[in-house]
PDB file of N, CA and C in Angstrom:
ATOM      1  N   MET A   1      -0.461  69.553 -14.138  1.00  0.00           N
ATOM      2  CA  MET A   1       0.896  69.473 -13.611  1.00  0.00           C
ATOM      3  C   MET A   1       0.845  69.776 -12.122  1.00  0.00           C
ATOM      4  N   ASP A   2       1.475  68.944 -11.347  1.00  0.00           N
ATOM      5  CA  ASP A   2       1.488  69.113  -9.905  1.00  0.00           C
ATOM      6  C   ASP A   2       2.866  69.612  -9.478  1.00  0.00           C
ATOM      7  N   ILE A   3       2.869  70.645  -8.662  1.00  0.00           N
ATOM      8  CA  ILE A   3       4.116  71.220  -8.159  1.00  0.00           C
ATOM      9  C   ILE A   3       4.313  70.733  -6.731  1.00  0.00           C
ATOM     10  N   ASP A   4       5.534  70.385  -6.397  1.00  0.00           N
ATOM     11  CA  ASP A   4       5.777  69.950  -5.019  1.00  0.00           C
ATOM     12  C   ASP A   4       6.404  71.088  -4.209  1.00  0.00           C
ATOM     13  N   ILE A   5       6.462  70.882  -2.920  1.00  0.00           N
ATOM     14  CA  ILE A   5       6.973  71.908  -2.002  1.00  0.00           C
ATOM     15  C   ILE A   5       8.420  72.267  -2.308  1.00  0.00           C
ATOM     16  N   LYS A   6       9.215  71.300  -2.762  1.00  0.00           N
ATOM     17  CA  LYS A   6      10.619  71.558  -3.080  1.00  0.00           C
ATOM     18  C   LYS A   6      10.735  72.603  -4.198  1.00  0.00           C
ATOM     19  N   GLN A   7       9.869  72.519  -5.199  1.00  0.00           N
ATOM     20  CA  GLN A   7       9.884  73.503  -6.277  1.00  0.00           C
ATOM     21  C   GLN A   7       9.461  74.882  -5.774  1.00  0.00           C
ATOM     22  N   ILE A   8       8.489  74.918  -4.874  1.00  0.00           N
ATOM     23  CA  ILE A   8       8.074  76.193  -4.276  1.00  0.00           C
ATOM     24  C   ILE A   8       9.233  76.803  -3.500  1.00  0.00           C
ATOM     25  N   GLU A   9       9.949  75.991  -2.754  1.00  0.00           N
ATOM     26  CA  GLU A   9      11.101  76.485  -1.993  1.00  0.00           C
ATOM     27  C   GLU A   9      12.192  77.007  -2.916  1.00  0.00           C
ATOM     28  N   GLN A  10      12.377  76.345  -4.061  1.00  0.00           N
ATOM     29  CA  GLN A  10      13.388  76.804  -5.011  1.00  0.00           C
ATOM     30  C   GLN A  10      13.004  78.158  -5.599  1.00  0.00           C
ATOM     31  N   VAL A  11      11.740  78.319  -5.968  1.00  0.00           N
ATOM     32  CA  VAL A  11      11.274  79.602  -6.509  1.00  0.00           C
ATOM     33  C   VAL A  11      11.381  80.691  -5.442  1.00  0.00           C
ATOM     34  N   ALA A  12      11.017  80.363  -4.204  1.00  0.00           N
ATOM     35  CA  ALA A  12      11.120  81.329  -3.109  1.00  0.00           C
ATOM     36  C   ALA A  12      12.575  81.729  -2.889  1.00  0.00           C
ATOM     37  N   SER A  13      13.482  80.774  -2.976  1.00  0.00           N
ATOM     38  CA  SER A  13      14.905  81.061  -2.803  1.00  0.00           C
ATOM     39  C   SER A  13      15.411  81.975  -3.913  1.00  0.00           C
ATOM     40  N   LEU A  14      15.007  81.679  -5.156  1.00  0.00           N
ATOM     41  CA  LEU A  14      15.420  82.531  -6.280  1.00  0.00           C
ATOM     42  C   LEU A  14      14.842  83.936  -6.157  1.00  0.00           C
ATOM     43  N   SER A  15      13.651  84.030  -5.563  1.00  0.00           N
ATOM     44  CA  SER A  15      12.985  85.316  -5.383  1.00  0.00           C
ATOM     45  C   SER A  15      13.456  86.030  -4.124  1.00  0.00           C
ATOM     46  N   ARG A  16      14.250  85.327  -3.341  1.00  0.00           N
ATOM     47  CA  ARG A  16      14.762  85.852  -2.080  1.00  0.00           C
ATOM     48  C   ARG A  16      13.639  86.265  -1.127  1.00  0.00           C
ATOM     49  N   ILE A  17      12.643  85.373  -0.997  1.00  0.00           N
ATOM     50  CA  ILE A  17      11.569  85.605  -0.040  1.00  0.00           C
ATOM     51  C   ILE A  17      11.477  84.407   0.901  1.00  0.00           C
ATOM     52  N   ASN A  18      11.121  84.685   2.122  1.00  0.00           N
ATOM     53  CA  ASN A  18      10.950  83.628   3.117  1.00  0.00           C
ATOM     54  C   ASN A  18       9.468  83.293   3.208  1.00  0.00           C
ATOM     55  N   LEU A  19       9.146  82.025   3.133  1.00  0.00           N
ATOM     56  CA  LEU A  19       7.764  81.587   3.211  1.00  0.00           C
ATOM     57  C   LEU A  19       7.579  80.657   4.393  1.00  0.00           C
ATOM     58  N   THR A  20       6.429  80.784   5.036  1.00  0.00           N
ATOM     59  CA  THR A  20       6.078  79.839   6.088  1.00  0.00           C
ATOM     60  C   THR A  20       5.562  78.563   5.425  1.00  0.00           C
ATOM     61  N   ASP A  21       5.400  77.508   6.219  1.00  0.00           N
ATOM     62  CA  ASP A  21       4.881  76.252   5.676  1.00  0.00           C
ATOM     63  C   ASP A  21       3.464  76.430   5.141  1.00  0.00           C
ATOM     64  N   VAL A  22       2.674  77.257   5.817  1.00  0.00           N
ATOM     65  CA  VAL A  22       1.301  77.513   5.361  1.00  0.00           C
ATOM     66  C   VAL A  22       1.330  78.229   4.002  1.00  0.00           C
ATOM     67  N   GLU A  23       2.205  79.232   3.865  1.00  0.00           N
ATOM     68  CA  GLU A  23       2.313  79.962   2.599  1.00  0.00           C
ATOM     69  C   GLU A  23       2.802  79.045   1.480  1.00  0.00           C
ATOM     70  N   LYS A  24       3.740  78.182   1.794  1.00  0.00           N
ATOM     71  CA  LYS A  24       4.246  77.241   0.785  1.00  0.00           C
ATOM     72  C   LYS A  24       3.114  76.356   0.274  1.00  0.00           C
ATOM     73  N   GLY A  25       2.279  75.873   1.179  1.00  0.00           N
ATOM     74  CA  GLY A  25       1.157  75.038   0.780  1.00  0.00           C
ATOM     75  C   GLY A  25       0.156  75.806  -0.080  1.00  0.00           C
ATOM     76  N   ALA A  26      -0.122  77.053   0.318  1.00  0.00           N
ATOM     77  CA  ALA A  26      -1.068  77.873  -0.448  1.00  0.00           C
ATOM     78  C   ALA A  26      -0.523  78.168  -1.842  1.00  0.00           C
ATOM     79  N   PHE A  27       0.740  78.535  -1.926  1.00  0.00           N
ATOM     80  CA  PHE A  27       1.341  78.834  -3.227  1.00  0.00           C
ATOM     81  C   PHE A  27       1.418  77.587  -4.102  1.00  0.00           C
ATOM     82  N   ARG A  28       1.659  76.433  -3.484  1.00  0.00           N
ATOM     83  CA  ARG A  28       1.704  75.185  -4.254  1.00  0.00           C
ATOM     84  C   ARG A  28       0.355  74.929  -4.912  1.00  0.00           C
ATOM     85  N   GLU A  29      -0.713  75.113  -4.150  1.00  0.00           N
ATOM     86  CA  GLU A  29      -2.058  74.915  -4.706  1.00  0.00           C
ATOM     87  C   GLU A  29      -2.349  75.914  -5.821  1.00  0.00           C
ATOM     88  N   GLN A  30      -2.008  77.189  -5.591  1.00  0.00           N
ATOM     89  CA  GLN A  30      -2.283  78.228  -6.575  1.00  0.00           C
ATOM     90  C   GLN A  30      -1.497  78.004  -7.863  1.00  0.00           C
ATOM     91  N   LEU A  31      -0.213  77.689  -7.735  1.00  0.00           N
ATOM     92  CA  LEU A  31       0.598  77.474  -8.939  1.00  0.00           C
ATOM     93  C   LEU A  31       0.183  76.208  -9.679  1.00  0.00           C
ATOM     94  N   THR A  32      -0.240  75.193  -8.948  1.00  0.00           N
ATOM     95  CA  THR A  32      -0.748  73.979  -9.588  1.00  0.00           C
ATOM     96  C   THR A  32      -2.000  74.300 -10.393  1.00  0.00           C
ATOM     97  N   ASP A  33      -2.896  75.118  -9.823  1.00  0.00           N
ATOM     98  CA  ASP A  33      -4.109  75.526 -10.542  1.00  0.00           C
ATOM     99  C   ASP A  33      -3.772  76.333 -11.794  1.00  0.00           C
ATOM    100  N   ILE A  34      -2.827  77.238 -11.673  1.00  0.00           N
ATOM    101  CA  ILE A  34      -2.439  78.085 -12.812  1.00  0.00           C
ATOM    102  C   ILE A  34      -1.855  77.225 -13.935  1.00  0.00           C
ATOM    103  N   LEU A  35      -0.937  76.337 -13.588  1.00  0.00           N
ATOM    104  CA  LEU A  35      -0.326  75.489 -14.609  1.00  0.00           C
ATOM    105  C   LEU A  35      -1.341  74.517 -15.210  1.00  0.00           C
ATOM    106  N   GLY A  36      -2.303  74.071 -14.413  1.00  0.00           N
ATOM    107  CA  GLY A  36      -3.373  73.226 -14.945  1.00  0.00           C
ATOM    108  C   GLY A  36      -4.208  73.971 -15.968  1.00  0.00           C
ATOM    109  N   TYR A  37      -4.483  75.241 -15.702  1.00  0.00           N
ATOM    110  CA  TYR A  37      -5.233  76.056 -16.650  1.00  0.00           C
ATOM    111  C   TYR A  37      -4.436  76.256 -17.937  1.00  0.00           C
ATOM    112  N   ILE A  38      -3.143  76.462 -17.824  1.00  0.00           N
ATOM    113  CA  ILE A  38      -2.292  76.632 -19.005  1.00  0.00           C
ATOM    114  C   ILE A  38      -2.274  75.347 -19.828  1.00  0.00           C
ATOM    115  N   GLU A  39      -2.244  74.203 -19.159  1.00  0.00           N
ATOM    116  CA  GLU A  39      -2.305  72.921 -19.883  1.00  0.00           C
ATOM    117  C   GLU A  39      -3.617  72.800 -20.654  1.00  0.00           C
ATOM    118  N   LYS A  40      -4.716  73.273 -20.055  1.00  0.00           N
ATOM    119  CA  LYS A  40      -6.004  73.268 -20.748  1.00  0.00           C
ATOM    120  C   LYS A  40      -5.939  74.133 -21.999  1.00  0.00           C
ATOM    121  N   LEU A  41      -5.329  75.300 -21.865  1.00  0.00           N
ATOM    122  CA  LEU A  41      -5.218  76.209 -23.006  1.00  0.00           C
ATOM    123  C   LEU A  41      -4.360  75.600 -24.107  1.00  0.00           C
ATOM    124  N   ASN A  42      -3.339  74.849 -23.740  1.00  0.00           N
ATOM    125  CA  ASN A  42      -2.466  74.220 -24.728  1.00  0.00           C
ATOM    126  C   ASN A  42      -3.190  73.144 -25.527  1.00  0.00           C
ATOM    127  N   GLU A  43      -4.299  72.630 -25.011  1.00  0.00           N
ATOM    128  CA  GLU A  43      -5.074  71.616 -25.726  1.00  0.00           C
ATOM    129  C   GLU A  43      -5.899  72.216 -26.867  1.00  0.00           C
ATOM    130  N   LEU A  44      -6.084  73.533 -26.857  1.00  0.00           N
ATOM    131  CA  LEU A  44      -6.896  74.175 -27.889  1.00  0.00           C
ATOM    132  C   LEU A  44      -6.198  74.137 -29.240  1.00  0.00           C
ATOM    133  N   ASP A  45      -6.986  73.983 -30.301  1.00  0.00           N
ATOM    134  CA  ASP A  45      -6.457  73.999 -31.664  1.00  0.00           C
ATOM    135  C   ASP A  45      -6.373  75.451 -32.125  1.00  0.00           C
ATOM    136  N   THR A  46      -5.164  75.960 -32.282  1.00  0.00           N
ATOM    137  CA  THR A  46      -4.980  77.356 -32.677  1.00  0.00           C
ATOM    138  C   THR A  46      -4.423  77.479 -34.093  1.00  0.00           C
ATOM    139  N   ASP A  47      -4.486  76.420 -34.862  1.00  0.00           N
ATOM    140  CA  ASP A  47      -4.019  76.499 -36.245  1.00  0.00           C
ATOM    141  C   ASP A  47      -4.897  77.464 -37.023  1.00  0.00           C
ATOM    142  N   GLY A  48      -4.272  78.329 -37.789  1.00  0.00           N
ATOM    143  CA  GLY A  48      -5.007  79.271 -38.623  1.00  0.00           C
ATOM    144  C   GLY A  48      -5.478  80.511 -37.884  1.00  0.00           C
ATOM    145  N   ILE A  49      -5.149  80.646 -36.620  1.00  0.00           N
ATOM    146  CA  ILE A  49      -5.558  81.827 -35.854  1.00  0.00           C
ATOM    147  C   ILE A  49      -4.367  82.771 -35.777  1.00  0.00           C
ATOM    148  N   GLN A  50      -4.610  84.003 -36.199  1.00  0.00           N
ATOM    149  CA  GLN A  50      -3.539  84.999 -36.205  1.00  0.00           C
ATOM    150  C   GLN A  50      -3.228  85.452 -34.777  1.00  0.00           C
ATOM    151  N   PRO A  51      -1.960  85.575 -34.423  1.00  0.00           N
ATOM    152  CA  PRO A  51      -1.623  86.135 -33.116  1.00  0.00           C
ATOM    153  C   PRO A  51      -2.077  87.589 -33.041  1.00  0.00           C
ATOM    154  N   MET A  52      -2.445  88.032 -31.871  1.00  0.00           N
ATOM    155  CA  MET A  52      -2.874  89.419 -31.738  1.00  0.00           C
ATOM    156  C   MET A  52      -1.991  90.146 -30.737  1.00  0.00           C
ATOM    157  N   ALA A  53      -1.765  91.413 -31.040  1.00  0.00           N
ATOM    158  CA  ALA A  53      -0.930  92.224 -30.170  1.00  0.00           C
ATOM    159  C   ALA A  53      -1.754  92.869 -29.062  1.00  0.00           C
ATOM    160  N   TYR A  54      -3.047  93.072 -29.312  1.00  0.00           N
ATOM    161  CA  TYR A  54      -3.918  93.722 -28.344  1.00  0.00           C
ATOM    162  C   TYR A  54      -5.161  92.868 -28.118  1.00  0.00           C
ATOM    163  N   ALA A  55      -5.745  92.983 -26.952  1.00  0.00           N
ATOM    164  CA  ALA A  55      -6.945  92.219 -26.639  1.00  0.00           C
ATOM    165  C   ALA A  55      -8.187  92.818 -27.290  1.00  0.00           C
ATOM    166  N   THR A  56      -8.108  94.078 -27.682  1.00  0.00           N
ATOM    167  CA  THR A  56      -9.233  94.735 -28.357  1.00  0.00           C
ATOM    168  C   THR A  56      -8.752  95.300 -29.681  1.00  0.00           C
ATOM    169  N   ALA A  57      -9.687  95.724 -30.512  1.00  0.00           N
ATOM    170  CA  ALA A  57      -9.335  96.279 -31.820  1.00  0.00           C
ATOM    171  C   ALA A  57      -8.920  97.741 -31.730  1.00  0.00           C
ATOM    172  N   GLN A  58      -9.075  98.352 -30.583  1.00  0.00           N
ATOM    173  CA  GLN A  58      -8.731  99.761 -30.434  1.00  0.00           C
ATOM    174  C   GLN A  58      -7.218  99.927 -30.361  1.00  0.00           C
ATOM    175  N   LYS A  59      -6.728 100.964 -31.023  1.00  0.00           N
ATOM    176  CA  LYS A  59      -5.293 101.232 -31.017  1.00  0.00           C
ATOM    177  C   LYS A  59      -5.049 102.703 -30.729  1.00  0.00           C
ATOM    178  N   ASN A  60      -4.067 102.975 -29.930  1.00  0.00           N
ATOM    179  CA  ASN A  60      -3.575 104.328 -29.690  1.00  0.00           C
ATOM    180  C   ASN A  60      -4.678 105.369 -29.552  1.00  0.00           C
ATOM    181  N   ILE A  61      -5.475 105.236 -28.534  1.00  0.00           N
ATOM    182  CA  ILE A  61      -6.525 106.218 -28.293  1.00  0.00           C
ATOM    183  C   ILE A  61      -5.928 107.295 -27.393  1.00  0.00           C
ATOM    184  N   PHE A  62      -5.544 108.388 -28.014  1.00  0.00           N
ATOM    185  CA  PHE A  62      -4.949 109.493 -27.279  1.00  0.00           C
ATOM    186  C   PHE A  62      -5.797 110.737 -27.477  1.00  0.00           C
ATOM    187  N   ARG A  63      -5.721 111.639 -26.551  1.00  0.00           N
ATOM    188  CA  ARG A  63      -6.414 112.903 -26.725  1.00  0.00           C
ATOM    189  C   ARG A  63      -5.588 113.766 -27.672  1.00  0.00           C
ATOM    190  N   GLU A  64      -6.231 114.719 -28.274  1.00  0.00           N
ATOM    191  CA  GLU A  64      -5.529 115.620 -29.182  1.00  0.00           C
ATOM    192  C   GLU A  64      -4.581 116.496 -28.371  1.00  0.00           C
ATOM    193  N   ASP A  65      -3.377 116.669 -28.858  1.00  0.00           N
ATOM    194  CA  ASP A  65      -2.376 117.468 -28.177  1.00  0.00           C
ATOM    195  C   ASP A  65      -2.593 118.926 -28.541  1.00  0.00           C
ATOM    196  N   LYS A  66      -3.071 119.692 -27.587  1.00  0.00           N
ATOM    197  CA  LYS A  66      -3.355 121.105 -27.833  1.00  0.00           C
ATOM    198  C   LYS A  66      -2.418 121.970 -27.014  1.00  0.00           C
ATOM    199  N   GLN A  67      -1.942 123.016 -27.653  1.00  0.00           N
ATOM    200  CA  GLN A  67      -1.095 123.958 -26.932  1.00  0.00           C
ATOM    201  C   GLN A  67      -1.996 124.903 -26.160  1.00  0.00           C
ATOM    202  N   GLU A  68      -1.724 125.028 -24.883  1.00  0.00           N
ATOM    203  CA  GLU A  68      -2.507 125.905 -24.031  1.00  0.00           C
ATOM    204  C   GLU A  68      -1.580 126.857 -23.313  1.00  0.00           C
ATOM    205  N   SER A  69      -2.135 127.980 -22.885  1.00  0.00           N
ATOM    206  CA  SER A  69      -1.303 128.942 -22.175  1.00  0.00           C
ATOM    207  C   SER A  69      -1.015 128.416 -20.773  1.00  0.00           C
ATOM    208  N   SER A  70       0.133 128.791 -20.249  1.00  0.00           N
ATOM    209  CA  SER A  70       0.504 128.369 -18.906  1.00  0.00           C
ATOM    210  C   SER A  70       0.611 129.604 -18.018  1.00  0.00           C
ATOM    211  N   PHE A  71       1.085 129.408 -16.823  1.00  0.00           N
ATOM    212  CA  PHE A  71       1.216 130.534 -15.915  1.00  0.00           C
ATOM    213  C   PHE A  71       2.334 131.462 -16.379  1.00  0.00           C
ATOM    214  N   PRO A  72       2.184 132.737 -16.147  1.00  0.00           N
ATOM    215  CA  PRO A  72       3.275 133.663 -16.501  1.00  0.00           C
ATOM    216  C   PRO A  72       4.525 133.365 -15.665  1.00  0.00           C
ATOM    217  N   ARG A  73       5.660 133.467 -16.292  1.00  0.00           N
ATOM    218  CA  ARG A  73       6.934 133.145 -15.640  1.00  0.00           C
ATOM    219  C   ARG A  73       7.124 133.952 -14.348  1.00  0.00           C
ATOM    220  N   GLN A  74       6.848 135.248 -14.406  1.00  0.00           N
ATOM    221  CA  GLN A  74       7.063 136.099 -13.239  1.00  0.00           C
ATOM    222  C   GLN A  74       6.170 135.681 -12.073  1.00  0.00           C
ATOM    223  N   LYS A  75       4.933 135.273 -12.370  1.00  0.00           N
ATOM    224  CA  LYS A  75       4.000 134.836 -11.329  1.00  0.00           C
ATOM    225  C   LYS A  75       4.542 133.586 -10.611  1.00  0.00           C
ATOM    226  N   ILE A  76       5.064 132.645 -11.380  1.00  0.00           N
ATOM    227  CA  ILE A  76       5.626 131.427 -10.798  1.00  0.00           C
ATOM    228  C   ILE A  76       6.855 131.756  -9.960  1.00  0.00           C
ATOM    229  N   LEU A  77       7.717 132.625 -10.450  1.00  0.00           N
ATOM    230  CA  LEU A  77       8.913 132.999  -9.695  1.00  0.00           C
ATOM    231  C   LEU A  77       8.541 133.706  -8.402  1.00  0.00           C
ATOM    232  N   GLU A  78       7.456 134.452  -8.401  1.00  0.00           N
ATOM    233  CA  GLU A  78       7.009 135.119  -7.179  1.00  0.00           C
ATOM    234  C   GLU A  78       6.547 134.104  -6.127  1.00  0.00           C
ATOM    235  N   LEU A  79       6.039 132.973  -6.560  1.00  0.00           N
ATOM    236  CA  LEU A  79       5.571 131.945  -5.640  1.00  0.00           C
ATOM    237  C   LEU A  79       6.704 131.118  -5.050  1.00  0.00           C
ATOM    238  N   SER A  80       7.877 131.165  -5.651  1.00  0.00           N
ATOM    239  CA  SER A  80       8.990 130.353  -5.167  1.00  0.00           C
ATOM    240  C   SER A  80       9.624 131.000  -3.943  1.00  0.00           C
ATOM    241  N   PRO A  81      10.261 130.208  -3.086  1.00  0.00           N
ATOM    242  CA  PRO A  81      10.898 130.775  -1.894  1.00  0.00           C
ATOM    243  C   PRO A  81      12.029 131.746  -2.231  1.00  0.00           C
ATOM    244  N   SER A  82      12.734 131.469  -3.355  1.00  0.00           N
ATOM    245  CA  SER A  82      13.864 132.326  -3.697  1.00  0.00           C
ATOM    246  C   SER A  82      14.121 132.274  -5.199  1.00  0.00           C
ATOM    247  N   SER A  83      14.340 133.444  -5.801  1.00  0.00           N
ATOM    248  CA  SER A  83      14.659 133.496  -7.227  1.00  0.00           C
ATOM    249  C   SER A  83      15.630 134.636  -7.488  1.00  0.00           C
ATOM    250  N   SER A  84      16.304 134.543  -8.640  1.00  0.00           N
ATOM    251  CA  SER A  84      17.263 135.566  -9.010  1.00  0.00           C
ATOM    252  C   SER A  84      17.424 135.572 -10.519  1.00  0.00           C
ATOM    253  N   ASN A  85      17.354 136.741 -11.140  1.00  0.00           N
ATOM    254  CA  ASN A  85      17.539 136.916 -12.578  1.00  0.00           C
ATOM    255  C   ASN A  85      16.640 135.994 -13.404  1.00  0.00           C
ATOM    256  N   GLY A  86      15.397 135.777 -12.977  1.00  0.00           N
ATOM    257  CA  GLY A  86      14.460 134.971 -13.735  1.00  0.00           C
ATOM    258  C   GLY A  86      14.620 133.460 -13.553  1.00  0.00           C
ATOM    259  N   PHE A  87      15.391 133.028 -12.539  1.00  0.00           N
ATOM    260  CA  PHE A  87      15.602 131.606 -12.283  1.00  0.00           C
ATOM    261  C   PHE A  87      15.305 131.293 -10.820  1.00  0.00           C
ATOM    262  N   PHE A  88      14.979 130.035 -10.532  1.00  0.00           N
ATOM    263  CA  PHE A  88      14.809 129.593  -9.157  1.00  0.00           C
ATOM    264  C   PHE A  88      16.178 129.493  -8.504  1.00  0.00           C
ATOM    265  N   LYS A  89      16.282 129.929  -7.269  1.00  0.00           N
ATOM    266  CA  LYS A  89      17.524 129.747  -6.497  1.00  0.00           C
ATOM    267  C   LYS A  89      17.312 128.545  -5.584  1.00  0.00           C
ATOM    268  N   VAL A  90      18.259 127.614  -5.642  1.00  0.00           N
ATOM    269  CA  VAL A  90      18.188 126.408  -4.821  1.00  0.00           C
ATOM    270  C   VAL A  90      19.499 126.260  -4.070  1.00  0.00           C
ATOM    271  N   PRO A  91      19.477 125.501  -2.984  1.00  0.00           N
ATOM    272  CA  PRO A  91      20.736 125.290  -2.258  1.00  0.00           C
ATOM    273  C   PRO A  91      21.753 124.534  -3.118  1.00  0.00           C
ATOM    274  N   LYS A  92      23.008 124.840  -2.882  1.00  0.00           N
ATOM    275  CA  LYS A  92      24.078 124.159  -3.598  1.00  0.00           C
ATOM    276  C   LYS A  92      24.135 122.703  -3.183  1.00  0.00           C
ATOM    277  N   VAL A  93      24.221 121.798  -4.160  1.00  0.00           N
ATOM    278  CA  VAL A  93      24.288 120.374  -3.832  1.00  0.00           C
ATOM    279  C   VAL A  93      25.661 119.783  -4.115  1.00  0.00           C
ATOM    280  N   LEU A  94      26.485 120.466  -4.884  1.00  0.00           N
ATOM    281  CA  LEU A  94      27.831 120.000  -5.181  1.00  0.00           C
ATOM    282  C   LEU A  94      28.837 120.991  -4.600  1.00  0.00           C
ATOM    283  N   GLU A  95      29.925 120.499  -4.089  1.00  0.00           N
ATOM    284  CA  GLU A  95      30.964 121.347  -3.528  1.00  0.00           C
ATOM    285  C   GLU A  95      32.005 121.668  -4.562  1.00  0.00           C
TER     286      GLU A  95
END
């Protein structure tokens, strides 16, 4: 599939980006190559092939969630610029 400059200008307009003539030509070539590759993929016989959700067989590889001790509350409050009654004091943001 060949894309013309008018289509590139339409996509650029929808994307709200300004392109130079050189950029339009480069994007036209790149998008033509991409769509050509997609056309090649569409020629493949995919009957009987199950769709896959992931590119690999691995699923949800997470580390074990372990509870660990944190810093003591008083130590953290001592590091803050200002605190009162066990809470951080911050400037008022609402009137």
